Amino acid sequence: MMEQKDAVKWMDTIMSIPGMNEAVKVDLKISRKNVLIVSAIIEYGLGAKGNDRPALLQALQKAEVELISTIAEDLLAKSGLKEFSEKLKSL
């Protein structure tokens, strides 16, 4: 079985393949329920520390983490669920 640091190296290599930084347009139509779920999954994954994070997330640079966090916030804002999500977190 592959060790965690080896998995991180592999993911870092995969993420540096030519074309991986090219922008793509994604037309996404999902329910508000799924927006809440996706944003929660993103926050959970980005909030994990050390070896609890999947290898792909461990290989991310700080700027990439911030971008993904912004995407989660944008999903909530565009679906009108930002305030609702914050209230759910406070429960």
Foldseek 3Di string as FASTA:
>chain_A
DDDLVVLLVVLLVVCPPPPNPDDDDDDDDDDPVVLLVVLVVLCVLLPDDDPVHHSNNVNDDPVVNVVSNVVSCVSCVVVVNNVVSVVVVVD
